[in-house]
């Protein structure tokens, strides 16, 4: 019976390490400052060239993205500049928030502290979550919205 609190504490430390590693990996990929790929560049042109009101009409260069995502990225670009860092800031923040919200959701629905590690680990090191969390695309915001709605529903 005495090892149960130690076991819970160890699981909590394990989840904390995974969360920190997930944040570190995302920041490392973000700070690599890799060049925009064609799809990102076309979306970036819409963000830089259009006013906010232009996001509520069809985009140019065969691009599609939600207007609120485009508006948020436009705000980040105005704040940081029209670089890869500015264009990818909103997806990075959404990815970090998703990671934290997955942890909160796991705490809410999974009673075994060691089992909680699984969804946090999968979210922290999923290739798609890392990729879309560091690209100028709306998918990390989609993930945040889905996890947030599930959390609110519970």
N, C-alpha and C. Protein backbone atom coordinates (compact mmCIF):
# COMPACT_ATOMS: atom_id res chain seq x y z
N UNK A 1 0.81 -1.19 0.00
CA UNK A 1 0.00 0.00 0.00
C UNK A 1 0.86 1.27 0.00
N UNK A 2 2.05 1.21 0.57
CA UNK A 2 2.91 2.38 0.62
C UNK A 2 3.47 2.77 -0.73
N UNK A 3 3.57 1.78 -1.64
CA UNK A 3 4.15 2.10 -2.94
C UNK A 3 3.14 2.74 -3.88
N UNK A 4 1.86 2.79 -3.53
CA UNK A 4 0.87 3.40 -4.41
C UNK A 4 1.10 4.90 -4.59
N UNK A 5 1.32 5.69 -3.52
CA UNK A 5 1.61 7.11 -3.74
C UNK A 5 2.90 7.32 -4.54
N UNK A 6 3.91 6.48 -4.30
CA UNK A 6 5.14 6.57 -5.07
C UNK A 6 4.87 6.28 -6.54
N UNK A 7 4.02 5.29 -6.78
CA UNK A 7 3.68 4.92 -8.14
C UNK A 7 2.96 6.07 -8.85
N UNK A 8 2.04 6.71 -8.16
CA UNK A 8 1.32 7.84 -8.75
C UNK A 8 2.27 9.01 -8.99
N UNK A 9 3.16 9.24 -8.05
CA UNK A 9 4.13 10.31 -8.21
C UNK A 9 5.06 10.02 -9.38
N UNK A 10 5.48 8.78 -9.51
CA UNK A 10 6.35 8.39 -10.63
C UNK A 10 5.63 8.58 -11.96
N UNK A 11 4.36 8.21 -12.01
CA UNK A 11 3.59 8.39 -13.24
C UNK A 11 3.44 9.87 -13.56
N UNK A 12 3.20 10.67 -12.56
CA UNK A 12 3.07 12.12 -12.77
C UNK A 12 4.39 12.71 -13.28
N UNK A 13 5.49 12.25 -12.72
CA UNK A 13 6.81 12.71 -13.19
C UNK A 13 7.03 12.26 -14.63
N UNK A 14 6.63 11.03 -14.94
CA UNK A 14 6.76 10.53 -16.31
C UNK A 14 5.96 11.35 -17.30
N UNK A 15 4.74 11.68 -16.94
CA UNK A 15 3.90 12.51 -17.82
C UNK A 15 4.52 13.90 -17.97
N UNK A 16 5.05 14.44 -16.87
CA UNK A 16 5.70 15.75 -16.94
C UNK A 16 6.90 15.74 -17.87
N UNK A 17 7.69 14.68 -17.81
CA UNK A 17 8.85 14.57 -18.70
C UNK A 17 8.40 14.48 -20.15
N UNK A 18 7.35 13.70 -20.40
CA UNK A 18 6.85 13.57 -21.77
C UNK A 18 6.30 14.91 -22.27
N UNK A 19 5.58 15.63 -21.42
CA UNK A 19 5.07 16.95 -21.81
C UNK A 19 6.21 17.91 -22.15
N UNK A 20 7.22 17.94 -21.30
CA UNK A 20 8.37 18.82 -21.57
C UNK A 20 9.11 18.41 -22.84
N UNK A 21 9.24 17.11 -23.04
CA UNK A 21 9.90 16.63 -24.27
C UNK A 21 9.08 17.00 -25.50
N UNK A 22 7.75 16.88 -25.40
CA UNK A 22 6.88 17.26 -26.51
C UNK A 22 7.00 18.74 -26.83
N UNK A 23 7.07 19.57 -25.80
CA UNK A 23 7.26 21.01 -26.01
C UNK A 23 8.63 21.26 -26.65
N UNK A 24 9.67 20.60 -26.13
CA UNK A 24 11.02 20.80 -26.66
C UNK A 24 11.13 20.39 -28.13
N UNK A 25 10.50 19.27 -28.49
CA UNK A 25 10.56 18.82 -29.88
C UNK A 25 9.86 19.81 -30.79
N UNK A 26 8.70 20.31 -30.37
CA UNK A 26 7.98 21.28 -31.18
C UNK A 26 8.79 22.56 -31.36
N UNK A 27 9.39 23.03 -30.27
CA UNK A 27 10.20 24.24 -30.37
C UNK A 27 11.43 24.03 -31.24
N UNK A 28 12.02 22.86 -31.15
CA UNK A 28 13.20 22.56 -31.98
C UNK A 28 12.83 22.60 -33.46
N UNK A 29 11.73 21.95 -33.82
CA UNK A 29 11.30 21.94 -35.22
C UNK A 29 10.93 23.36 -35.67
N UNK A 30 10.24 24.10 -34.81
CA UNK A 30 9.85 25.48 -35.13
C UNK A 30 11.08 26.36 -35.35
N UNK A 31 12.07 26.22 -34.48
CA UNK A 31 13.26 27.06 -34.56
C UNK A 31 14.22 26.65 -35.67
N UNK A 32 13.98 25.51 -36.30
CA UNK A 32 14.80 25.13 -37.45
C UNK A 32 14.62 26.10 -38.61
N UNK A 33 13.50 26.81 -38.61
CA UNK A 33 13.23 27.84 -39.61
C UNK A 33 13.38 27.31 -41.03
N UNK A 34 12.80 26.15 -41.26
CA UNK A 34 12.88 25.58 -42.61
C UNK A 34 12.04 26.40 -43.58
N UNK A 35 12.38 26.30 -44.82
CA UNK A 35 11.69 27.08 -45.86
C UNK A 35 10.24 26.63 -45.98
N UNK A 36 9.40 27.54 -46.45
CA UNK A 36 8.00 27.22 -46.71
C UNK A 36 7.93 26.27 -47.90
N UNK A 37 7.05 25.28 -47.82
CA UNK A 37 6.81 24.47 -49.00
C UNK A 37 5.72 25.15 -49.83
N UNK A 38 5.48 24.67 -51.02
CA UNK A 38 4.64 25.37 -51.99
C UNK A 38 3.26 25.71 -51.44
N UNK A 39 2.62 24.76 -50.78
CA UNK A 39 1.27 24.99 -50.25
C UNK A 39 1.29 26.08 -49.19
N UNK A 40 2.28 26.04 -48.30
CA UNK A 40 2.41 27.07 -47.28
C UNK A 40 2.69 28.43 -47.92
N UNK A 41 3.55 28.44 -48.91
CA UNK A 41 3.90 29.70 -49.57
C UNK A 41 2.68 30.34 -50.24
N UNK A 42 1.85 29.52 -50.87
CA UNK A 42 0.64 30.05 -51.49
C UNK A 42 -0.33 30.59 -50.45
N UNK A 43 -0.44 29.90 -49.33
CA UNK A 43 -1.29 30.40 -48.25
C UNK A 43 -0.70 31.68 -47.66
N UNK A 44 0.62 31.70 -47.51
CA UNK A 44 1.29 32.88 -46.98
C UNK A 44 1.08 34.10 -47.88
N UNK A 45 1.08 33.89 -49.16
CA UNK A 45 0.83 35.01 -50.08
C UNK A 45 -0.56 35.61 -49.84
N UNK A 46 -1.55 34.75 -49.61
CA UNK A 46 -2.89 35.25 -49.31
C UNK A 46 -2.88 36.04 -48.00
N UNK A 47 -2.18 35.54 -47.00
CA UNK A 47 -2.15 36.19 -45.69
C UNK A 47 -1.47 37.56 -45.78
N UNK A 48 -0.37 37.62 -46.49
CA UNK A 48 0.39 38.87 -46.58
C UNK A 48 -0.26 39.87 -47.54
N UNK A 49 -0.81 39.40 -48.63
CA UNK A 49 -1.32 40.29 -49.66
C UNK A 49 -2.73 40.82 -49.39
N UNK A 50 -3.54 40.11 -48.62
CA UNK A 50 -4.94 40.49 -48.44
C UNK A 50 -5.15 41.24 -47.12
N UNK A 51 -6.17 42.10 -47.09
CA UNK A 51 -6.59 42.66 -45.81
C UNK A 51 -7.44 41.62 -45.06
N UNK A 52 -7.74 41.90 -43.81
CA UNK A 52 -8.54 40.95 -43.02
C UNK A 52 -9.88 40.64 -43.68
N UNK A 53 -10.50 41.62 -44.26
CA UNK A 53 -11.81 41.38 -44.89
C UNK A 53 -11.69 40.45 -46.09
N UNK A 54 -10.52 40.35 -46.68
CA UNK A 54 -10.32 39.46 -47.82
C UNK A 54 -10.30 37.99 -47.48
N UNK A 55 -10.22 37.67 -46.19
CA UNK A 55 -10.20 36.26 -45.78
C UNK A 55 -11.58 35.62 -45.80
N UNK A 56 -12.61 36.43 -45.96
CA UNK A 56 -13.97 35.91 -45.98
C UNK A 56 -14.49 35.70 -47.40
N UNK A 57 -13.59 35.75 -48.35
CA UNK A 57 -13.90 35.45 -49.76
C UNK A 57 -12.99 34.31 -50.20
N UNK A 58 -13.24 33.81 -51.39
CA UNK A 58 -12.39 32.73 -51.92
C UNK A 58 -10.94 33.19 -52.00
N UNK A 59 -10.03 32.34 -51.58
CA UNK A 59 -8.62 32.66 -51.59
C UNK A 59 -8.02 32.44 -52.97
N UNK A 60 -6.91 33.07 -53.22
CA UNK A 60 -6.17 32.89 -54.46
C UNK A 60 -5.21 31.71 -54.33
N UNK A 61 -4.63 31.33 -55.44
CA UNK A 61 -3.59 30.30 -55.52
C UNK A 61 -4.08 28.92 -55.07
N UNK A 62 -5.35 28.65 -55.30
CA UNK A 62 -5.95 27.36 -55.00
C UNK A 62 -5.80 26.97 -53.52
N UNK A 63 -6.05 27.92 -52.64
CA UNK A 63 -5.91 27.68 -51.21
C UNK A 63 -7.27 27.76 -50.52
N UNK A 64 -7.37 27.02 -49.44
CA UNK A 64 -8.58 27.01 -48.61
C UNK A 64 -8.14 26.99 -47.16
N UNK A 65 -8.70 27.87 -46.36
CA UNK A 65 -8.40 27.90 -44.92
C UNK A 65 -9.51 28.70 -44.24
N UNK A 66 -9.80 28.39 -42.99
CA UNK A 66 -10.85 29.13 -42.27
C UNK A 66 -10.44 30.60 -42.06
N UNK A 67 -11.38 31.51 -42.19
CA UNK A 67 -11.07 32.94 -42.04
C UNK A 67 -10.50 33.30 -40.67
N UNK A 68 -10.98 32.67 -39.61
CA UNK A 68 -10.46 33.01 -38.28
C UNK A 68 -9.01 32.56 -38.12
N UNK A 69 -8.66 31.43 -38.70
CA UNK A 69 -7.26 30.98 -38.70
C UNK A 69 -6.40 31.99 -39.45
N UNK A 70 -6.86 32.39 -40.63
CA UNK A 70 -6.11 33.35 -41.42
C UNK A 70 -5.95 34.68 -40.69
N UNK A 71 -7.00 35.10 -40.00
CA UNK A 71 -6.93 36.35 -39.24
C UNK A 71 -5.93 36.25 -38.10
N UNK A 72 -5.92 35.12 -37.42
CA UNK A 72 -4.96 34.92 -36.32
C UNK A 72 -3.53 34.93 -36.84
N UNK A 73 -3.30 34.26 -37.96
CA UNK A 73 -1.95 34.24 -38.54
C UNK A 73 -1.57 35.63 -39.02
N UNK A 74 -2.52 36.36 -39.58
CA UNK A 74 -2.25 37.74 -40.01
C UNK A 74 -1.82 38.58 -38.81
N UNK A 75 -2.46 38.38 -37.67
CA UNK A 75 -2.06 39.08 -36.45
C UNK A 75 -0.65 38.72 -36.01
N UNK A 76 -0.31 37.45 -36.09
CA UNK A 76 1.04 37.02 -35.73
C UNK A 76 2.07 37.59 -36.69
N UNK A 77 1.71 37.66 -37.98
CA UNK A 77 2.62 38.23 -38.98
C UNK A 77 2.83 39.72 -38.72
N UNK A 78 1.79 40.41 -38.33
CA UNK A 78 1.94 41.83 -38.01
C UNK A 78 2.79 42.02 -36.76
N UNK A 79 2.68 41.10 -35.83
CA UNK A 79 3.43 41.17 -34.57
C UNK A 79 4.90 40.82 -34.76
N UNK A 80 5.18 39.73 -35.46
CA UNK A 80 6.54 39.19 -35.58
C UNK A 80 7.19 39.55 -36.92
N UNK A 81 6.39 39.64 -37.94
CA UNK A 81 6.91 39.89 -39.28
C UNK A 81 6.52 38.76 -40.21
N UNK A 82 6.62 39.01 -41.50
CA UNK A 82 6.18 38.00 -42.47
C UNK A 82 7.31 37.02 -42.77
N UNK A 83 7.76 36.36 -41.74
CA UNK A 83 8.77 35.32 -41.87
C UNK A 83 8.12 33.98 -41.57
N UNK A 84 8.90 32.92 -41.70
CA UNK A 84 8.40 31.60 -41.35
C UNK A 84 7.96 31.55 -39.89
N UNK A 85 8.69 32.27 -39.02
CA UNK A 85 8.33 32.27 -37.60
C UNK A 85 6.96 32.89 -37.37
N UNK A 86 6.69 34.00 -38.00
CA UNK A 86 5.39 34.64 -37.84
C UNK A 86 4.26 33.81 -38.42
N UNK A 87 4.50 33.22 -39.58
CA UNK A 87 3.46 32.43 -40.24
C UNK A 87 3.16 31.14 -39.47
N UNK A 88 4.13 30.62 -38.76
CA UNK A 88 3.94 29.33 -38.07
C UNK A 88 3.68 29.46 -36.57
N UNK A 89 3.60 30.67 -36.06
CA UNK A 89 3.42 30.86 -34.62
C UNK A 89 2.06 30.35 -34.14
N UNK A 90 1.00 30.67 -34.83
CA UNK A 90 -0.35 30.24 -34.41
C UNK A 90 -0.47 28.71 -34.39
N UNK A 91 -0.03 28.01 -35.45
CA UNK A 91 -0.08 26.55 -35.37
C UNK A 91 0.78 25.98 -34.23
N UNK A 92 1.92 26.60 -33.96
CA UNK A 92 2.76 26.13 -32.86
C UNK A 92 2.03 26.28 -31.53
N UNK A 93 1.46 27.44 -31.29
CA UNK A 93 0.73 27.67 -30.03
C UNK A 93 -0.47 26.73 -29.90
N UNK A 94 -1.15 26.49 -31.01
CA UNK A 94 -2.29 25.56 -30.98
C UNK A 94 -1.81 24.14 -30.68
N UNK A 95 -0.69 23.76 -31.22
CA UNK A 95 -0.14 22.42 -30.97
C UNK A 95 0.26 22.27 -29.51
N UNK A 96 0.88 23.30 -28.94
CA UNK A 96 1.25 23.25 -27.51
C UNK A 96 0.00 23.20 -26.63
N UNK A 97 -1.01 23.96 -26.98
CA UNK A 97 -2.26 23.94 -26.20
C UNK A 97 -2.95 22.58 -26.32
N UNK A 98 -2.89 21.97 -27.49
CA UNK A 98 -3.48 20.64 -27.68
C UNK A 98 -2.78 19.62 -26.80
N UNK A 99 -1.48 19.70 -26.73
CA UNK A 99 -0.72 18.78 -25.89
C UNK A 99 -1.15 18.90 -24.43
N UNK A 100 -1.27 20.12 -23.94
CA UNK A 100 -1.70 20.35 -22.56
C UNK A 100 -3.15 19.89 -22.35
N UNK A 101 -4.01 20.15 -23.31
CA UNK A 101 -5.41 19.77 -23.17
C UNK A 101 -5.60 18.25 -23.22
N UNK A 102 -4.76 17.56 -23.98
CA UNK A 102 -4.80 16.09 -23.98
C UNK A 102 -4.46 15.57 -22.59
N UNK A 103 -3.48 16.19 -21.95
CA UNK A 103 -3.12 15.80 -20.59
C UNK A 103 -4.30 16.01 -19.64
N UNK A 104 -4.94 17.17 -19.73
CA UNK A 104 -6.10 17.43 -18.87
C UNK A 104 -7.25 16.47 -19.15
N UNK A 105 -7.47 16.17 -20.42
CA UNK A 105 -8.51 15.23 -20.80
C UNK A 105 -8.21 13.83 -20.28
N UNK A 106 -6.95 13.43 -20.37
CA UNK A 106 -6.55 12.11 -19.85
C UNK A 106 -6.76 12.05 -18.34
N UNK A 107 -6.45 13.12 -17.64
CA UNK A 107 -6.69 13.16 -16.20
C UNK A 107 -8.17 13.01 -15.87
N UNK A 108 -8.99 13.56 -16.73
CA UNK A 108 -10.42 13.56 -16.48
C UNK A 108 -11.07 12.20 -16.72
N UNK A 109 -10.59 11.45 -17.72
CA UNK A 109 -11.30 10.22 -18.09
C UNK A 109 -10.54 8.93 -17.80
N UNK A 110 -9.25 9.02 -17.50
CA UNK A 110 -8.46 7.81 -17.25
C UNK A 110 -8.05 7.80 -15.78
N UNK A 111 -8.48 6.75 -15.07
CA UNK A 111 -8.20 6.70 -13.63
C UNK A 111 -6.79 6.22 -13.31
N UNK A 112 -6.26 5.31 -14.10
CA UNK A 112 -4.92 4.78 -13.84
C UNK A 112 -3.87 5.80 -14.30
N UNK A 113 -3.04 6.28 -13.37
CA UNK A 113 -2.06 7.31 -13.75
C UNK A 113 -1.04 6.84 -14.78
N UNK A 114 -0.75 5.55 -14.81
CA UNK A 114 0.22 5.05 -15.79
C UNK A 114 -0.39 4.96 -17.19
N UNK A 115 -1.68 4.73 -17.26
CA UNK A 115 -2.34 4.66 -18.57
C UNK A 115 -2.48 6.06 -19.17
N UNK A 116 -2.52 7.08 -18.32
CA UNK A 116 -2.60 8.46 -18.82
C UNK A 116 -1.39 8.84 -19.68
N UNK A 117 -0.31 8.13 -19.47
CA UNK A 117 0.91 8.44 -20.23
C UNK A 117 0.70 8.17 -21.72
N UNK A 118 -0.12 7.18 -22.06
CA UNK A 118 -0.26 6.75 -23.46
C UNK A 118 -0.78 7.87 -24.36
N UNK A 119 -1.94 8.49 -24.08
CA UNK A 119 -2.40 9.55 -24.99
C UNK A 119 -1.47 10.77 -25.01
N UNK A 120 -0.85 11.06 -23.88
CA UNK A 120 0.09 12.19 -23.85
C UNK A 120 1.31 11.88 -24.71
N UNK A 121 1.83 10.67 -24.60
CA UNK A 121 2.99 10.27 -25.40
C UNK A 121 2.65 10.28 -26.89
N UNK A 122 1.49 9.72 -27.24
CA UNK A 122 1.10 9.68 -28.65
C UNK A 122 0.92 11.08 -29.24
N UNK A 123 0.37 11.98 -28.45
CA UNK A 123 0.20 13.35 -28.93
C UNK A 123 1.54 14.09 -28.99
N UNK A 124 2.38 13.86 -28.01
CA UNK A 124 3.66 14.57 -27.96
C UNK A 124 4.58 14.20 -29.11
N UNK A 125 4.54 12.93 -29.54
CA UNK A 125 5.51 12.47 -30.53
C UNK A 125 4.90 11.98 -31.83
N UNK A 126 3.63 12.26 -32.05
CA UNK A 126 2.98 11.90 -33.30
C UNK A 126 3.59 12.73 -34.43
N UNK A 127 3.94 12.06 -35.51
CA UNK A 127 4.53 12.75 -36.65
C UNK A 127 3.59 13.84 -37.18
N UNK A 128 2.32 13.51 -37.31
CA UNK A 128 1.37 14.48 -37.85
C UNK A 128 1.21 15.67 -36.91
N UNK A 129 1.15 15.42 -35.61
CA UNK A 129 1.00 16.53 -34.66
C UNK A 129 2.23 17.43 -34.69
N UNK A 130 3.41 16.85 -34.81
CA UNK A 130 4.63 17.65 -34.89
C UNK A 130 4.67 18.44 -36.20
N UNK A 131 4.33 17.76 -37.27
CA UNK A 131 4.39 18.40 -38.59
C UNK A 131 3.41 19.56 -38.67
N UNK A 132 2.15 19.29 -38.37
CA UNK A 132 1.14 20.33 -38.53
C UNK A 132 1.23 21.41 -37.45
N UNK A 133 1.91 21.12 -36.35
CA UNK A 133 2.12 22.12 -35.33
C UNK A 133 3.22 23.10 -35.68
N UNK A 134 3.94 22.82 -36.77
CA UNK A 134 5.04 23.69 -37.17
C UNK A 134 4.95 24.05 -38.66
N UNK A 135 3.76 24.00 -39.21
CA UNK A 135 3.51 24.42 -40.59
C UNK A 135 2.40 25.46 -40.60
N UNK A 136 2.42 26.31 -41.57
CA UNK A 136 1.38 27.33 -41.69
C UNK A 136 0.15 26.72 -42.36
N UNK A 137 -0.48 25.83 -41.66
CA UNK A 137 -1.74 25.21 -42.07
C UNK A 137 -2.64 25.15 -40.83
N UNK A 138 -3.93 25.01 -41.04
CA UNK A 138 -4.89 25.12 -39.95
C UNK A 138 -5.10 23.84 -39.14
N UNK A 139 -4.42 22.76 -39.47
CA UNK A 139 -4.76 21.46 -38.89
C UNK A 139 -4.49 21.36 -37.39
N UNK A 140 -3.49 22.05 -36.87
CA UNK A 140 -3.26 21.99 -35.43
C UNK A 140 -4.37 22.73 -34.68
N UNK A 141 -4.93 23.75 -35.30
CA UNK A 141 -6.08 24.43 -34.70
C UNK A 141 -7.31 23.53 -34.74
N UNK A 142 -7.44 22.74 -35.80
CA UNK A 142 -8.53 21.76 -35.87
C UNK A 142 -8.42 20.75 -34.72
N UNK A 143 -7.21 20.27 -34.49
CA UNK A 143 -7.00 19.31 -33.40
C UNK A 143 -7.33 19.94 -32.06
N UNK A 144 -6.89 21.17 -31.85
CA UNK A 144 -7.19 21.87 -30.60
C UNK A 144 -8.69 22.03 -30.42
N UNK A 145 -9.38 22.40 -31.47
CA UNK A 145 -10.83 22.54 -31.38
C UNK A 145 -11.54 21.24 -31.04
N UNK A 146 -11.10 20.16 -31.66
CA UNK A 146 -11.72 18.85 -31.38
C UNK A 146 -11.48 18.41 -29.94
N UNK A 147 -10.25 18.51 -29.50
CA UNK A 147 -9.92 18.11 -28.11
C UNK A 147 -10.63 19.03 -27.13
N UNK A 148 -10.68 20.32 -27.44
CA UNK A 148 -11.37 21.26 -26.57
C UNK A 148 -12.87 20.97 -26.45
N UNK A 149 -13.50 20.64 -27.57
CA UNK A 149 -14.92 20.30 -27.52
C UNK A 149 -15.18 19.02 -26.74
N UNK A 150 -14.31 18.04 -26.90
CA UNK A 150 -14.45 16.80 -26.13
C UNK A 150 -14.30 17.09 -24.64
N UNK A 151 -13.31 17.90 -24.31
CA UNK A 151 -13.08 18.26 -22.90
C UNK A 151 -14.30 18.98 -22.32
N UNK A 152 -14.85 19.92 -23.08
CA UNK A 152 -16.02 20.66 -22.60
C UNK A 152 -17.26 19.76 -22.48
N UNK A 153 -17.36 18.79 -23.40
CA UNK A 153 -18.52 17.88 -23.35
C UNK A 153 -18.48 16.98 -22.12
N UNK A 154 -17.29 16.67 -21.66
CA UNK A 154 -17.17 15.81 -20.48
C UNK A 154 -17.24 16.63 -19.21
